[in-house]
Amino acid sequence: MDTTLTINIQKEAEKLIDYFSPKIISEVNNEYVKIAKIKGEDIPWHNHENEDELFYIINGTLLMEIENQPSFTMKTGDLYVVPKGINHRVSSSEECLIMLIETKSTKHTGDVITPITKSIEKQKY
């Protein structure tokens, strides 16, 4: 990774083809910085037993569902951290661009495996 270049998130987003398929665009300490396009309801209920997960809405709206709590809509510019061990899922009726900051050990859909689940290797460009 070339540390002398800035990263243009919009240009990186243009490379995204599939929804629910995070791509690693950078890293800081033991965290990956990822972007993903969300549209639909394909993400299953899941949790990350040992890792918090940061969601930042770059563009659009995202429905955040947290088990046993009222769901809420995140909008452009909103940030939310799902604490480790908390069951959650996200969806969006229209295309939404998000940034995720996750510990490098964080599995895409936790221990729940579905056709959309991506390994860390598949999240690298």
C-alpha atoms as a PDB file:
ATOM      1  CA  MET A   1       0.000   0.000   0.000  1.00  0.00           C
ATOM      2  CA  ASP A   2       1.434   3.356  -1.062  1.00  0.00           C
ATOM      3  CA  THR A   3       1.344   5.668   1.955  1.00  0.00           C
ATOM      4  CA  THR A   4       2.010   8.812  -0.097  1.00  0.00           C
ATOM      5  CA  LEU A   5      -1.337   8.817  -1.891  1.00  0.00           C
ATOM      6  CA  THR A   6      -4.669  10.044  -0.646  1.00  0.00           C
ATOM      7  CA  ILE A   7      -7.730   7.899  -1.207  1.00  0.00           C
ATOM      8  CA  ASN A   8     -10.760   9.317  -2.962  1.00  0.00           C
ATOM      9  CA  ILE A   9     -13.735   7.477  -1.528  1.00  0.00           C
ATOM     10  CA  GLN A  10     -16.043   8.332  -4.437  1.00  0.00           C
ATOM     11  CA  LYS A  11     -13.548   6.917  -6.953  1.00  0.00           C
ATOM     12  CA  GLU A  12     -13.153   3.796  -4.826  1.00  0.00           C
ATOM     13  CA  ALA A  13     -16.948   3.481  -4.669  1.00  0.00           C
ATOM     14  CA  GLU A  14     -17.111   3.490  -8.475  1.00  0.00           C
ATOM     15  CA  LYS A  15     -15.155   0.210  -8.392  1.00  0.00           C
ATOM     16  CA  LEU A  16     -17.811  -1.488  -6.249  1.00  0.00           C
ATOM     17  CA  ILE A  17     -19.860  -3.888  -8.345  1.00  0.00           C
ATOM     18  CA  ASP A  18     -21.906  -5.995  -5.933  1.00  0.00           C
ATOM     19  CA  TYR A  19     -24.083  -4.901  -3.050  1.00  0.00           C
ATOM     20  CA  PHE A  20     -23.176  -6.191   0.430  1.00  0.00           C
ATOM     21  CA  SER A  21     -19.588  -6.785  -0.683  1.00  0.00           C
ATOM     22  CA  PRO A  22     -17.234  -4.658   1.454  1.00  0.00           C
ATOM     23  CA  LYS A  23     -13.883  -3.665  -0.018  1.00  0.00           C
ATOM     24  CA  ILE A  24     -10.855  -2.747   2.064  1.00  0.00           C
ATOM     25  CA  ILE A  25      -9.568   0.682   1.035  1.00  0.00           C
ATOM     26  CA  SER A  26      -7.076   1.326   3.835  1.00  0.00           C
ATOM     27  CA  GLU A  27      -5.967   0.238   7.269  1.00  0.00           C
ATOM     28  CA  VAL A  28      -5.048   1.963  10.504  1.00  0.00           C
ATOM     29  CA  ASN A  29      -3.412   0.133  13.404  1.00  0.00           C
ATOM     30  CA  ASN A  30      -5.260  -3.195  13.668  1.00  0.00           C
ATOM     31  CA  GLU A  31      -8.357  -1.937  11.811  1.00  0.00           C
ATOM     32  CA  TYR A  32      -9.509  -2.166   8.217  1.00  0.00           C
ATOM     33  CA  VAL A  33     -11.287   0.771   6.614  1.00  0.00           C
ATOM     34  CA  LYS A  34     -13.891  -0.603   4.190  1.00  0.00           C
ATOM     35  CA  ILE A  35     -16.575   0.739   1.904  1.00  0.00           C
ATOM     36  CA  ALA A  36     -19.680  -1.057   0.681  1.00  0.00           C
ATOM     37  CA  LYS A  37     -22.829  -0.408  -1.270  1.00  0.00           C
ATOM     38  CA  ILE A  38     -26.024  -1.597   0.383  1.00  0.00           C
ATOM     39  CA  LYS A  39     -29.353  -2.158  -1.364  1.00  0.00           C
ATOM     40  CA  GLY A  40     -31.932  -4.695  -0.275  1.00  0.00           C
ATOM     41  CA  GLU A  41     -32.297  -6.912   2.765  1.00  0.00           C
ATOM     42  CA  ASP A  42     -29.709  -9.658   2.193  1.00  0.00           C
ATOM     43  CA  ILE A  43     -27.641  -9.181   5.356  1.00  0.00           C
ATOM     44  CA  PRO A  44     -28.666 -11.793   7.961  1.00  0.00           C
ATOM     45  CA  TRP A  45     -28.989 -11.213  11.682  1.00  0.00           C
ATOM     46  CA  HIS A  46     -25.470 -11.663  13.038  1.00  0.00           C
ATOM     47  CA  ASN A  47     -22.989 -10.410  15.603  1.00  0.00           C
ATOM     48  CA  HIS A  48     -19.264 -10.068  16.040  1.00  0.00           C
ATOM     49  CA  GLU A  49     -18.464 -11.756  19.327  1.00  0.00           C
ATOM     50  CA  ASN A  50     -15.178  -9.944  20.002  1.00  0.00           C
ATOM     51  CA  GLU A  51     -15.267  -6.824  17.832  1.00  0.00           C
ATOM     52  CA  ASP A  52     -17.156  -3.536  17.703  1.00  0.00           C
ATOM     53  CA  GLU A  53     -18.209  -2.407  14.209  1.00  0.00           C
ATOM     54  CA  LEU A  54     -18.331   1.236  13.101  1.00  0.00           C
ATOM     55  CA  PHE A  55     -20.806   2.301  10.402  1.00  0.00           C
ATOM     56  CA  TYR A  56     -20.533   5.704   8.704  1.00  0.00           C
ATOM     57  CA  ILE A  57     -23.049   6.720   6.043  1.00  0.00           C
ATOM     58  CA  ILE A  58     -21.277   8.364   3.106  1.00  0.00           C
ATOM     59  CA  ASN A  59     -24.385   8.693   0.974  1.00  0.00           C
ATOM     60  CA  GLY A  60     -27.988   7.538   1.287  1.00  0.00           C
ATOM     61  CA  THR A  61     -29.970   6.025   4.133  1.00  0.00           C
ATOM     62  CA  LEU A  62     -29.491   2.756   6.000  1.00  0.00           C
ATOM     63  CA  LEU A  63     -31.952   0.932   8.222  1.00  0.00           C
ATOM     64  CA  MET A  64     -30.090  -0.297  11.305  1.00  0.00           C
ATOM     65  CA  GLU A  65     -31.754  -3.075  13.252  1.00  0.00           C
ATOM     66  CA  ILE A  66     -30.472  -4.003  16.690  1.00  0.00           C
ATOM     67  CA  GLU A  67     -32.014  -7.040  18.380  1.00  0.00           C
ATOM     68  CA  ASN A  68     -34.558  -6.140  21.089  1.00  0.00           C
ATOM     69  CA  GLN A  69     -34.336  -2.423  20.294  1.00  0.00           C
ATOM     70  CA  PRO A  70     -36.313  -0.139  17.983  1.00  0.00           C
ATOM     71  CA  SER A  71     -34.793   0.027  14.493  1.00  0.00           C
ATOM     72  CA  PHE A  72     -33.595   3.408  13.252  1.00  0.00           C
ATOM     73  CA  THR A  73     -32.626   5.035   9.982  1.00  0.00           C
ATOM     74  CA  MET A  74     -29.131   6.390   9.506  1.00  0.00           C
ATOM     75  CA  LYS A  75     -28.642   9.221   7.015  1.00  0.00           C
ATOM     76  CA  THR A  76     -25.708  10.740   5.146  1.00  0.00           C
ATOM     77  CA  GLY A  77     -23.110  11.838   7.684  1.00  0.00           C
ATOM     78  CA  ASP A  78     -24.385   9.608  10.524  1.00  0.00           C
ATOM     79  CA  LEU A  79     -22.035   7.326  12.445  1.00  0.00           C
ATOM     80  CA  TYR A  80     -22.965   4.423  14.716  1.00  0.00           C
ATOM     81  CA  VAL A  81     -20.928   1.772  16.508  1.00  0.00           C
ATOM     82  CA  VAL A  82     -22.475  -1.657  17.027  1.00  0.00           C
ATOM     83  CA  PRO A  83     -20.931  -3.028  20.224  1.00  0.00           C
ATOM     84  CA  LYS A  84     -19.347  -6.475  20.147  1.00  0.00           C
ATOM     85  CA  GLY A  85     -21.710  -9.370  20.729  1.00  0.00           C
ATOM     86  CA  ILE A  86     -24.858  -7.439  19.713  1.00  0.00           C
ATOM     87  CA  ASN A  87     -27.091  -9.046  17.057  1.00  0.00           C
ATOM     88  CA  HIS A  88     -27.766  -6.658  14.217  1.00  0.00           C
ATOM     89  CA  ARG A  89     -28.519  -6.369  10.521  1.00  0.00           C
ATOM     90  CA  VAL A  90     -28.739  -3.557   7.989  1.00  0.00           C
ATOM     91  CA  SER A  91     -30.775  -2.901   4.866  1.00  0.00           C
ATOM     92  CA  SER A  92     -31.626  -0.116   2.452  1.00  0.00           C
ATOM     93  CA  SER A  93     -34.452   0.319  -0.042  1.00  0.00           C
ATOM     94  CA  GLU A  94     -32.253   2.562  -2.227  1.00  0.00           C
ATOM     95  CA  GLU A  95     -28.527   2.322  -2.855  1.00  0.00           C
ATOM     96  CA  CYS A  96     -26.529   3.457   0.174  1.00  0.00           C
ATOM     97  CA  LEU A  97     -22.754   3.903   0.382  1.00  0.00           C
ATOM     98  CA  ILE A  98     -21.215   3.147   3.758  1.00  0.00           C
ATOM     99  CA  MET A  99     -17.810   3.095   5.385  1.00  0.00           C
ATOM    100  CA  LEU A 100     -16.990   0.426   7.947  1.00  0.00           C
ATOM    101  CA  ILE A 101     -14.113   0.435  10.388  1.00  0.00           C
ATOM    102  CA  GLU A 102     -13.524  -3.035  11.759  1.00  0.00           C
ATOM    103  CA  THR A 103     -10.811  -4.933  13.561  1.00  0.00           C
ATOM    104  CA  LYS A 104      -8.908  -7.064  11.042  1.00  0.00           C
ATOM    105  CA  SER A 105     -10.311 -10.234  12.623  1.00  0.00           C
ATOM    106  CA  THR A 106     -13.957  -9.201  12.046  1.00  0.00           C
ATOM    107  CA  LYS A 107     -15.867 -11.702   9.911  1.00  0.00           C
ATOM    108  CA  HIS A 108     -18.260 -10.153   7.375  1.00  0.00           C
ATOM    109  CA  THR A 109     -21.445 -11.719   8.755  1.00  0.00           C
ATOM    110  CA  GLY A 110     -20.017 -13.070  11.998  1.00  0.00           C
ATOM    111  CA  ASP A 111     -20.449 -16.828  12.297  1.00  0.00           C
ATOM    112  CA  VAL A 112     -23.523 -16.760  10.026  1.00  0.00           C
ATOM    113  CA  ILE A 113     -22.610 -17.936   6.520  1.00  0.00           C
ATOM    114  CA  THR A 114     -24.868 -16.989   3.597  1.00  0.00           C
ATOM    115  CA  PRO A 115     -24.365 -16.628  -0.175  1.00  0.00           C
ATOM    116  CA  ILE A 116     -23.384 -12.966   0.325  1.00  0.00           C
ATOM    117  CA  THR A 117     -20.756 -13.635   3.021  1.00  0.00           C
ATOM    118  CA  LYS A 118     -17.296 -12.468   1.902  1.00  0.00           C
ATOM    119  CA  SER A 119     -13.987 -13.658   3.340  1.00  0.00           C
ATOM    120  CA  ILE A 120     -11.323 -11.068   4.184  1.00  0.00           C
ATOM    121  CA  GLU A 121      -9.431 -12.167   1.044  1.00  0.00           C
ATOM    122  CA  LYS A 122     -12.470 -11.368  -1.112  1.00  0.00           C
ATOM    123  CA  GLN A 123     -12.730  -7.950   0.548  1.00  0.00           C
ATOM    124  CA  LYS A 124      -9.278  -6.950  -0.700  1.00  0.00           C
ATOM    125  CA  TYR A 125      -9.002  -5.187  -4.076  1.00  0.00           C
END
